[in-house]
Amino acid sequence: MAERQHLGQGTTTSWEKFWYILGCIYLGAAYFQKVPVKKALSEYGLVEMTSAEKFWYVVQCILFGFGYFAKVTIKKALSEVRSPAGFPTA
């Protein structure tokens, strides 16, 4: 079983770093997948998006709503997260 991680304090394994870089090289696919996740997290006040991420989110929304629809499923999952110690409940 993987070690428990906390938001903002997680680590990635060497292989996870490798596959992320490889995914970014392949037409930026990994980076573009990350953008709607960061948008959803930013709406919960957990992260702040860079100007580049904001730009690419708008571009993704223009292209058939891809960014928005990806964000919706992520927000749904986040809304179902149980509140462990350290997270506000209201």
PDB file of N, CA and C in Angstrom:
ATOM      1  N   MET A   1       0.846  -1.181   0.000  1.00  0.00           N
ATOM      2  CA  MET A   1       0.000   0.000   0.000  1.00  0.00           C
ATOM      3  C   MET A   1       0.886   1.238   0.000  1.00  0.00           C
ATOM      4  N   ALA A   2       0.483   2.236  -0.759  1.00  0.00           N
ATOM      5  CA  ALA A   2       1.264   3.471  -0.869  1.00  0.00           C
ATOM      6  C   ALA A   2       1.207   4.267   0.436  1.00  0.00           C
ATOM      7  N   GLU A   3       2.263   5.028   0.662  1.00  0.00           N
ATOM      8  CA  GLU A   3       2.326   5.872   1.848  1.00  0.00           C
ATOM      9  C   GLU A   3       1.301   6.989   1.725  1.00  0.00           C
ATOM     10  N   ARG A   4       0.633   7.315   2.819  1.00  0.00           N
ATOM     11  CA  ARG A   4      -0.381   8.366   2.810  1.00  0.00           C
ATOM     12  C   ARG A   4       0.285   9.725   2.596  1.00  0.00           C
ATOM     13  N   GLN A   5      -0.307  10.522   1.713  1.00  0.00           N
ATOM     14  CA  GLN A   5       0.232  11.846   1.423  1.00  0.00           C
ATOM     15  C   GLN A   5      -0.807  12.902   1.767  1.00  0.00           C
ATOM     16  N   HIS A   6      -0.339  14.111   1.973  1.00  0.00           N
ATOM     17  CA  HIS A   6      -1.215  15.225   2.303  1.00  0.00           C
ATOM     18  C   HIS A   6      -1.084  16.288   1.222  1.00  0.00           C
ATOM     19  N   LEU A   7      -2.173  17.004   0.960  1.00  0.00           N
ATOM     20  CA  LEU A   7      -2.155  18.023  -0.083  1.00  0.00           C
ATOM     21  C   LEU A   7      -1.026  19.010   0.146  1.00  0.00           C
ATOM     22  N   GLY A   8      -0.282  19.270  -0.903  1.00  0.00           N
ATOM     23  CA  GLY A   8       0.812  20.221  -0.842  1.00  0.00           C
ATOM     24  C   GLY A   8       2.092  19.677  -0.244  1.00  0.00           C
ATOM     25  N   GLN A   9       2.050  18.461   0.279  1.00  0.00           N
ATOM     26  CA  GLN A   9       3.225  17.865   0.903  1.00  0.00           C
ATOM     27  C   GLN A   9       3.519  16.488   0.333  1.00  0.00           C
ATOM     28  N   GLY A  10       2.922  16.181  -0.807  1.00  0.00           N
ATOM     29  CA  GLY A  10       3.122  14.874  -1.424  1.00  0.00           C
ATOM     30  C   GLY A  10       4.442  14.807  -2.174  1.00  0.00           C
ATOM     31  N   THR A  11       4.821  13.610  -2.492  1.00  0.00           N
ATOM     32  CA  THR A  11       6.024  13.394  -3.278  1.00  0.00           C
ATOM     33  C   THR A  11       5.685  12.482  -4.446  1.00  0.00           C
ATOM     34  N   THR A  12       6.522  12.515  -5.446  1.00  0.00           N
ATOM     35  CA  THR A  12       6.347  11.606  -6.567  1.00  0.00           C
ATOM     36  C   THR A  12       7.567  10.705  -6.646  1.00  0.00           C
ATOM     37  N   THR A  13       7.336   9.494  -7.092  1.00  0.00           N
ATOM     38  CA  THR A  13       8.443   8.555  -7.244  1.00  0.00           C
ATOM     39  C   THR A  13       9.241   8.925  -8.488  1.00  0.00           C
ATOM     40  N   SER A  14      10.383   8.330  -8.637  1.00  0.00           N
ATOM     41  CA  SER A  14      11.204   8.573  -9.821  1.00  0.00           C
ATOM     42  C   SER A  14      10.450   8.204 -11.090  1.00  0.00           C
ATOM     43  N   TRP A  15       9.718   7.092 -11.051  1.00  0.00           N
ATOM     44  CA  TRP A  15       8.962   6.662 -12.227  1.00  0.00           C
ATOM     45  C   TRP A  15       7.815   7.616 -12.526  1.00  0.00           C
ATOM     46  N   GLU A  16       7.143   8.125 -11.488  1.00  0.00           N
ATOM     47  CA  GLU A  16       6.063   9.084 -11.721  1.00  0.00           C
ATOM     48  C   GLU A  16       6.612  10.356 -12.363  1.00  0.00           C
ATOM     49  N   LYS A  17       7.750  10.812 -11.912  1.00  0.00           N
ATOM     50  CA  LYS A  17       8.390  11.994 -12.517  1.00  0.00           C
ATOM     51  C   LYS A  17       8.746  11.712 -13.977  1.00  0.00           C
ATOM     52  N   PHE A  18       9.299  10.545 -14.226  1.00  0.00           N
ATOM     53  CA  PHE A  18       9.670  10.158 -15.587  1.00  0.00           C
ATOM     54  C   PHE A  18       8.457  10.167 -16.510  1.00  0.00           C
ATOM     55  N   TRP A  19       7.361   9.520 -16.084  1.00  0.00           N
ATOM     56  CA  TRP A  19       6.181   9.425 -16.938  1.00  0.00           C
ATOM     57  C   TRP A  19       5.508  10.783 -17.120  1.00  0.00           C
ATOM     58  N   TYR A  20       5.574  11.650 -16.116  1.00  0.00           N
ATOM     59  CA  TYR A  20       5.007  12.989 -16.262  1.00  0.00           C
ATOM     60  C   TYR A  20       5.792  13.778 -17.311  1.00  0.00           C
ATOM     61  N   ILE A  21       7.115  13.755 -17.217  1.00  0.00           N
ATOM     62  CA  ILE A  21       7.943  14.462 -18.195  1.00  0.00           C
ATOM     63  C   ILE A  21       7.697  13.901 -19.594  1.00  0.00           C
ATOM     64  N   LEU A  22       7.652  12.584 -19.707  1.00  0.00           N
ATOM     65  CA  LEU A  22       7.384  11.965 -21.002  1.00  0.00           C
ATOM     66  C   LEU A  22       6.012  12.388 -21.524  1.00  0.00           C
ATOM     67  N   GLY A  23       5.026  12.445 -20.626  1.00  0.00           N
ATOM     68  CA  GLY A  23       3.685  12.891 -21.016  1.00  0.00           C
ATOM     69  C   GLY A  23       3.668  14.339 -21.458  1.00  0.00           C
ATOM     70  N   CYS A  24       4.476  15.177 -20.831  1.00  0.00           N
ATOM     71  CA  CYS A  24       4.552  16.586 -21.238  1.00  0.00           C
ATOM     72  C   CYS A  24       5.230  16.731 -22.594  1.00  0.00           C
ATOM     73  N   ILE A  25       6.221  15.908 -22.851  1.00  0.00           N
ATOM     74  CA  ILE A  25       6.919  15.957 -24.138  1.00  0.00           C
ATOM     75  C   ILE A  25       5.971  15.540 -25.265  1.00  0.00           C
ATOM     76  N   TYR A  26       5.112  14.569 -25.002  1.00  0.00           N
ATOM     77  CA  TYR A  26       4.175  14.078 -26.009  1.00  0.00           C
ATOM     78  C   TYR A  26       3.031  15.084 -26.170  1.00  0.00           C
ATOM     79  N   LEU A  27       3.262  16.141 -26.929  1.00  0.00           N
ATOM     80  CA  LEU A  27       2.268  17.170 -27.238  1.00  0.00           C
ATOM     81  C   LEU A  27       1.677  17.842 -25.996  1.00  0.00           C
ATOM     82  N   GLY A  28       2.395  17.842 -24.888  1.00  0.00           N
ATOM     83  CA  GLY A  28       1.928  18.510 -23.681  1.00  0.00           C
ATOM     84  C   GLY A  28       0.745  17.838 -23.021  1.00  0.00           C
ATOM     85  N   ALA A  29       0.493  16.587 -23.329  1.00  0.00           N
ATOM     86  CA  ALA A  29      -0.704  15.894 -22.842  1.00  0.00           C
ATOM     87  C   ALA A  29      -0.806  15.893 -21.321  1.00  0.00           C
ATOM     88  N   ALA A  30       0.262  15.591 -20.622  1.00  0.00           N
ATOM     89  CA  ALA A  30       0.215  15.529 -19.155  1.00  0.00           C
ATOM     90  C   ALA A  30      -0.048  16.913 -18.579  1.00  0.00           C
ATOM     91  N   TYR A  31       0.582  17.933 -19.136  1.00  0.00           N
ATOM     92  CA  TYR A  31       0.369  19.301 -18.660  1.00  0.00           C
ATOM     93  C   TYR A  31      -1.084  19.709 -18.872  1.00  0.00           C
ATOM     94  N   PHE A  32      -1.630  19.415 -20.055  1.00  0.00           N
ATOM     95  CA  PHE A  32      -3.002  19.807 -20.342  1.00  0.00           C
ATOM     96  C   PHE A  32      -4.012  19.036 -19.494  1.00  0.00           C
ATOM     97  N   GLN A  33      -3.677  17.838 -19.052  1.00  0.00           N
ATOM     98  CA  GLN A  33      -4.548  17.099 -18.142  1.00  0.00           C
ATOM     99  C   GLN A  33      -4.533  17.721 -16.756  1.00  0.00           C
ATOM    100  N   LYS A  34      -3.411  18.308 -16.391  1.00  0.00           N
ATOM    101  CA  LYS A  34      -3.259  18.894 -15.062  1.00  0.00           C
ATOM    102  C   LYS A  34      -4.047  20.199 -14.913  1.00  0.00           C
ATOM    103  N   VAL A  35      -4.234  20.933 -15.995  1.00  0.00           N
ATOM    104  CA  VAL A  35      -4.851  22.258 -15.935  1.00  0.00           C
ATOM    105  C   VAL A  35      -6.276  22.229 -15.355  1.00  0.00           C
ATOM    106  N   PRO A  36      -7.205  21.368 -15.816  1.00  0.00           N
ATOM    107  CA  PRO A  36      -8.544  21.352 -15.211  1.00  0.00           C
ATOM    108  C   PRO A  36      -8.524  20.939 -13.731  1.00  0.00           C
ATOM    109  N   VAL A  37      -7.578  20.103 -13.358  1.00  0.00           N
ATOM    110  CA  VAL A  37      -7.454  19.701 -11.950  1.00  0.00           C
ATOM    111  C   VAL A  37      -7.088  20.920 -11.112  1.00  0.00           C
ATOM    112  N   LYS A  38      -6.108  21.690 -11.582  1.00  0.00           N
ATOM    113  CA  LYS A  38      -5.713  22.890 -10.840  1.00  0.00           C
ATOM    114  C   LYS A  38      -6.849  23.909 -10.800  1.00  0.00           C
ATOM    115  N   LYS A  39      -7.659  23.994 -11.863  1.00  0.00           N
ATOM    116  CA  LYS A  39      -8.805  24.901 -11.860  1.00  0.00           C
ATOM    117  C   LYS A  39      -9.798  24.493 -10.782  1.00  0.00           C
ATOM    118  N   ALA A  40     -10.096  23.201 -10.697  1.00  0.00           N
ATOM    119  CA  ALA A  40     -11.019  22.718  -9.671  1.00  0.00           C
ATOM    120  C   ALA A  40     -10.463  22.988  -8.276  1.00  0.00           C
ATOM    121  N   LEU A  41      -9.184  22.702  -8.074  1.00  0.00           N
ATOM    122  CA  LEU A  41      -8.568  22.957  -6.768  1.00  0.00           C
ATOM    123  C   LEU A  41      -8.546  24.447  -6.443  1.00  0.00           C
ATOM    124  N   SER A  42      -8.357  25.289  -7.451  1.00  0.00           N
ATOM    125  CA  SER A  42      -8.331  26.734  -7.209  1.00  0.00           C
ATOM    126  C   SER A  42      -9.711  27.243  -6.796  1.00  0.00           C
ATOM    127  N   GLU A  43     -10.767  26.620  -7.309  1.00  0.00           N
ATOM    128  CA  GLU A  43     -12.119  27.022  -6.916  1.00  0.00           C
ATOM    129  C   GLU A  43     -12.432  26.633  -5.476  1.00  0.00           C
ATOM    130  N   TYR A  44     -11.687  25.693  -4.933  1.00  0.00           N
ATOM    131  CA  TYR A  44     -11.799  25.340  -3.514  1.00  0.00           C
ATOM    132  C   TYR A  44     -10.817  26.151  -2.669  1.00  0.00           C
ATOM    133  N   GLY A  45     -10.005  26.985  -3.305  1.00  0.00           N
ATOM    134  CA  GLY A  45      -9.045  27.812  -2.591  1.00  0.00           C
ATOM    135  C   GLY A  45      -7.815  27.053  -2.128  1.00  0.00           C
ATOM    136  N   LEU A  46      -7.525  25.917  -2.770  1.00  0.00           N
ATOM    137  CA  LEU A  46      -6.395  25.091  -2.344  1.00  0.00           C
ATOM    138  C   LEU A  46      -5.105  25.402  -3.084  1.00  0.00           C
ATOM    139  N   VAL A  47      -5.199  25.935  -4.302  1.00  0.00           N
ATOM    140  CA  VAL A  47      -4.016  26.294  -5.096  1.00  0.00           C
ATOM    141  C   VAL A  47      -4.313  27.581  -5.851  1.00  0.00           C
ATOM    142  N   GLU A  48      -3.274  28.159  -6.390  1.00  0.00           N
ATOM    143  CA  GLU A  48      -3.430  29.320  -7.253  1.00  0.00           C
ATOM    144  C   GLU A  48      -2.870  28.965  -8.619  1.00  0.00           C
ATOM    145  N   MET A  49      -3.631  29.254  -9.647  1.00  0.00           N
ATOM    146  CA  MET A  49      -3.200  28.928 -11.003  1.00  0.00           C
ATOM    147  C   MET A  49      -2.246  30.005 -11.523  1.00  0.00           C
ATOM    148  N   THR A  50      -1.291  29.585 -12.340  1.00  0.00           N
ATOM    149  CA  THR A  50      -0.401  30.537 -12.987  1.00  0.00           C
ATOM    150  C   THR A  50      -1.152  31.174 -14.161  1.00  0.00           C
ATOM    151  N   SER A  51      -0.609  32.250 -14.700  1.00  0.00           N
ATOM    152  CA  SER A  51      -1.264  32.894 -15.840  1.00  0.00           C
ATOM    153  C   SER A  51      -1.291  31.962 -17.053  1.00  0.00           C
ATOM    154  N   ALA A  52      -0.249  31.152 -17.219  1.00  0.00           N
ATOM    155  CA  ALA A  52      -0.226  30.193 -18.323  1.00  0.00           C
ATOM    156  C   ALA A  52      -1.326  29.144 -18.148  1.00  0.00           C
ATOM    157  N   GLU A  53      -1.512  28.652 -16.927  1.00  0.00           N
ATOM    158  CA  GLU A  53      -2.569  27.663 -16.679  1.00  0.00           C
ATOM    159  C   GLU A  53      -3.950  28.266 -16.917  1.00  0.00           C
ATOM    160  N   LYS A  54      -4.148  29.518 -16.501  1.00  0.00           N
ATOM    161  CA  LYS A  54      -5.425  30.192 -16.751  1.00  0.00           C
ATOM    162  C   LYS A  54      -5.681  30.314 -18.257  1.00  0.00           C
ATOM    163  N   PHE A  55      -4.642  30.689 -19.000  1.00  0.00           N
ATOM    164  CA  PHE A  55      -4.763  30.816 -20.453  1.00  0.00           C
ATOM    165  C   PHE A  55      -5.158  29.482 -21.080  1.00  0.00           C
ATOM    166  N   TRP A  56      -4.440  28.416 -20.724  1.00  0.00           N
ATOM    167  CA  TRP A  56      -4.721  27.115 -21.336  1.00  0.00           C
ATOM    168  C   TRP A  56      -6.070  26.566 -20.907  1.00  0.00           C
ATOM    169  N   TYR A  57      -6.543  26.924 -19.711  1.00  0.00           N
ATOM    170  CA  TYR A  57      -7.877  26.499 -19.291  1.00  0.00           C
ATOM    171  C   TYR A  57      -8.932  27.134 -20.196  1.00  0.00           C
ATOM    172  N   VAL A  58      -8.786  28.427 -20.489  1.00  0.00           N
ATOM    173  CA  VAL A  58      -9.729  29.105 -21.378  1.00  0.00           C
ATOM    174  C   VAL A  58      -9.686  28.477 -22.769  1.00  0.00           C
ATOM    175  N   VAL A  59      -8.497  28.190 -23.265  1.00  0.00           N
ATOM    176  CA  VAL A  59      -8.369  27.547 -24.577  1.00  0.00           C
ATOM    177  C   VAL A  59      -9.067  26.188 -24.561  1.00  0.00           C
ATOM    178  N   GLN A  60      -8.880  25.428 -23.484  1.00  0.00           N
ATOM    179  CA  GLN A  60      -9.535  24.115 -23.387  1.00  0.00           C
ATOM    180  C   GLN A  60     -11.050  24.258 -23.336  1.00  0.00           C
ATOM    181  N   CYS A  61     -11.544  25.295 -22.695  1.00  0.00           N
ATOM    182  CA  CYS A  61     -12.993  25.503 -22.641  1.00  0.00           C
ATOM    183  C   CYS A  61     -13.546  25.875 -24.014  1.00  0.00           C
ATOM    184  N   ILE A  62     -12.787  26.640 -24.768  1.00  0.00           N
ATOM    185  CA  ILE A  62     -13.212  27.028 -26.112  1.00  0.00           C
ATOM    186  C   ILE A  62     -13.265  25.805 -27.032  1.00  0.00           C
ATOM    187  N   LEU A  63     -12.335  24.886 -26.867  1.00  0.00           N
ATOM    188  CA  LEU A  63     -12.290  23.688 -27.709  1.00  0.00           C
ATOM    189  C   LEU A  63     -13.286  22.649 -27.203  1.00  0.00           C
ATOM    190  N   PHE A  64     -14.540  22.817 -27.561  1.00  0.00           N
ATOM    191  CA  PHE A  64     -15.613  21.869 -27.230  1.00  0.00           C
ATOM    192  C   PHE A  64     -15.833  21.692 -25.730  1.00  0.00           C
ATOM    193  N   GLY A  65     -15.435  22.647 -24.929  1.00  0.00           N
ATOM    194  CA  GLY A  65     -15.691  22.578 -23.491  1.00  0.00           C
ATOM    195  C   GLY A  65     -14.863  21.550 -22.747  1.00  0.00           C
ATOM    196  N   PHE A  66     -13.791  21.056 -23.373  1.00  0.00           N
ATOM    197  CA  PHE A  66     -12.985  20.006 -22.755  1.00  0.00           C
ATOM    198  C   PHE A  66     -12.542  20.374 -21.333  1.00  0.00           C
ATOM    199  N   GLY A  67     -12.002  21.568 -21.158  1.00  0.00           N
ATOM    200  CA  GLY A  67     -11.501  21.978 -19.841  1.00  0.00           C
ATOM    201  C   GLY A  67     -12.605  22.015 -18.804  1.00  0.00           C
ATOM    202  N   TYR A  68     -13.756  22.570 -19.189  1.00  0.00           N
ATOM    203  CA  TYR A  68     -14.870  22.673 -18.250  1.00  0.00           C
ATOM    204  C   TYR A  68     -15.393  21.296 -17.853  1.00  0.00           C
ATOM    205  N   PHE A  69     -15.618  20.429 -18.825  1.00  0.00           N
ATOM    206  CA  PHE A  69     -16.169  19.112 -18.515  1.00  0.00           C
ATOM    207  C   PHE A  69     -15.196  18.265 -17.701  1.00  0.00           C
ATOM    208  N   ALA A  70     -13.904  18.427 -17.942  1.00  0.00           N
ATOM    209  CA  ALA A  70     -12.912  17.721 -17.120  1.00  0.00           C
ATOM    210  C   ALA A  70     -12.947  18.246 -15.697  1.00  0.00           C
ATOM    211  N   LYS A  71     -13.092  19.566 -15.538  1.00  0.00           N
ATOM    212  CA  LYS A  71     -13.134  20.170 -14.205  1.00  0.00           C
ATOM    213  C   LYS A  71     -14.360  19.704 -13.423  1.00  0.00           C
ATOM    214  N   VAL A  72     -15.501  19.563 -14.101  1.00  0.00           N
ATOM    215  CA  VAL A  72     -16.738  19.171 -13.432  1.00  0.00           C
ATOM    216  C   VAL A  72     -16.586  17.825 -12.724  1.00  0.00           C
ATOM    217  N   THR A  73     -16.000  16.844 -13.399  1.00  0.00           N
ATOM    218  CA  THR A  73     -15.845  15.527 -12.774  1.00  0.00           C
ATOM    219  C   THR A  73     -14.863  15.579 -11.606  1.00  0.00           C
ATOM    220  N   ILE A  74     -13.843  16.410 -11.724  1.00  0.00           N
ATOM    221  CA  ILE A  74     -12.870  16.537 -10.640  1.00  0.00           C
ATOM    222  C   ILE A  74     -13.518  17.202  -9.430  1.00  0.00           C
ATOM    223  N   LYS A  75     -14.304  18.270  -9.664  1.00  0.00           N
ATOM    224  CA  LYS A  75     -14.991  18.925  -8.557  1.00  0.00           C
ATOM    225  C   LYS A  75     -15.974  17.983  -7.875  1.00  0.00           C
ATOM    226  N   LYS A  76     -16.628  17.124  -8.654  1.00  0.00           N
ATOM    227  CA  LYS A  76     -17.552  16.149  -8.071  1.00  0.00           C
ATOM    228  C   LYS A  76     -16.794  15.222  -7.126  1.00  0.00           C
ATOM    229  N   ALA A  77     -15.638  14.742  -7.569  1.00  0.00           N
ATOM    230  CA  ALA A  77     -14.827  13.869  -6.713  1.00  0.00           C
ATOM    231  C   ALA A  77     -14.361  14.609  -5.473  1.00  0.00           C
ATOM    232  N   LEU A  78     -13.940  15.853  -5.620  1.00  0.00           N
ATOM    233  CA  LEU A  78     -13.488  16.635  -4.462  1.00  0.00           C
ATOM    234  C   LEU A  78     -14.626  16.901  -3.487  1.00  0.00           C
ATOM    235  N   SER A  79     -15.839  17.048  -3.996  1.00  0.00           N
ATOM    236  CA  SER A  79     -16.980  17.304  -3.114  1.00  0.00           C
ATOM    237  C   SER A  79     -17.312  16.092  -2.253  1.00  0.00           C
ATOM    238  N   GLU A  80     -16.829  14.932  -2.647  1.00  0.00           N
ATOM    239  CA  GLU A  80     -17.099  13.709  -1.902  1.00  0.00           C
ATOM    240  C   GLU A  80     -15.973  13.333  -0.939  1.00  0.00           C
ATOM    241  N   VAL A  81     -14.936  14.169  -0.863  1.00  0.00           N
ATOM    242  CA  VAL A  81     -13.819  13.897   0.042  1.00  0.00           C
ATOM    243  C   VAL A  81     -14.270  14.109   1.474  1.00  0.00           C
ATOM    244  N   ARG A  82     -13.985  13.124   2.320  1.00  0.00           N
ATOM    245  CA  ARG A  82     -14.279  13.273   3.740  1.00  0.00           C
ATOM    246  C   ARG A  82     -13.306  14.263   4.345  1.00  0.00           C
ATOM    247  N   SER A  83     -13.718  14.957   5.347  1.00  0.00           N
ATOM    248  CA  SER A  83     -12.906  16.015   5.941  1.00  0.00           C
ATOM    249  C   SER A  83     -11.984  15.471   7.024  1.00  0.00           C
ATOM    250  N   PRO A  84     -10.705  15.186   6.686  1.00  0.00           N
ATOM    251  CA  PRO A  84      -9.754  14.768   7.706  1.00  0.00           C
ATOM    252  C   PRO A  84      -9.316  15.975   8.535  1.00  0.00           C
ATOM    253  N   ALA A  85      -8.606  15.738   9.586  1.00  0.00           N
ATOM    254  CA  ALA A  85      -8.121  16.831  10.445  1.00  0.00           C
ATOM    255  C   ALA A  85      -7.324  17.825   9.604  1.00  0.00           C
ATOM    256  N   GLY A  86      -7.575  19.074   9.825  1.00  0.00           N
ATOM    257  CA  GLY A  86      -6.859  20.102   9.098  1.00  0.00           C
ATOM    258  C   GLY A  86      -7.627  20.695   7.940  1.00  0.00           C
ATOM    259  N   PHE A  87      -8.731  20.084   7.540  1.00  0.00           N
ATOM    260  CA  PHE A  87      -9.544  20.639   6.466  1.00  0.00           C
ATOM    261  C   PHE A  87     -10.779  21.277   7.063  1.00  0.00           C
ATOM    262  N   PRO A  88     -11.140  22.457   6.594  1.00  0.00           N
ATOM    263  CA  PRO A  88     -12.376  23.083   7.093  1.00  0.00           C
ATOM    264  C   PRO A  88     -13.591  22.301   6.628  1.00  0.00           C
ATOM    265  N   THR A  89     -14.605  22.211   7.446  1.00  0.00           N
ATOM    266  CA  THR A  89     -15.815  21.464   7.105  1.00  0.00           C
ATOM    267  C   THR A  89     -16.902  22.359   6.584  1.00  0.00           C
ATOM    268  N   ALA A  90     -16.801  23.657   6.769  1.00  0.00           N
ATOM    269  CA  ALA A  90     -17.866  24.552   6.292  1.00  0.00           C
ATOM    270  C   ALA A  90     -17.316  25.655   5.436  1.00  0.00           C
TER     271      ALA A  90
END
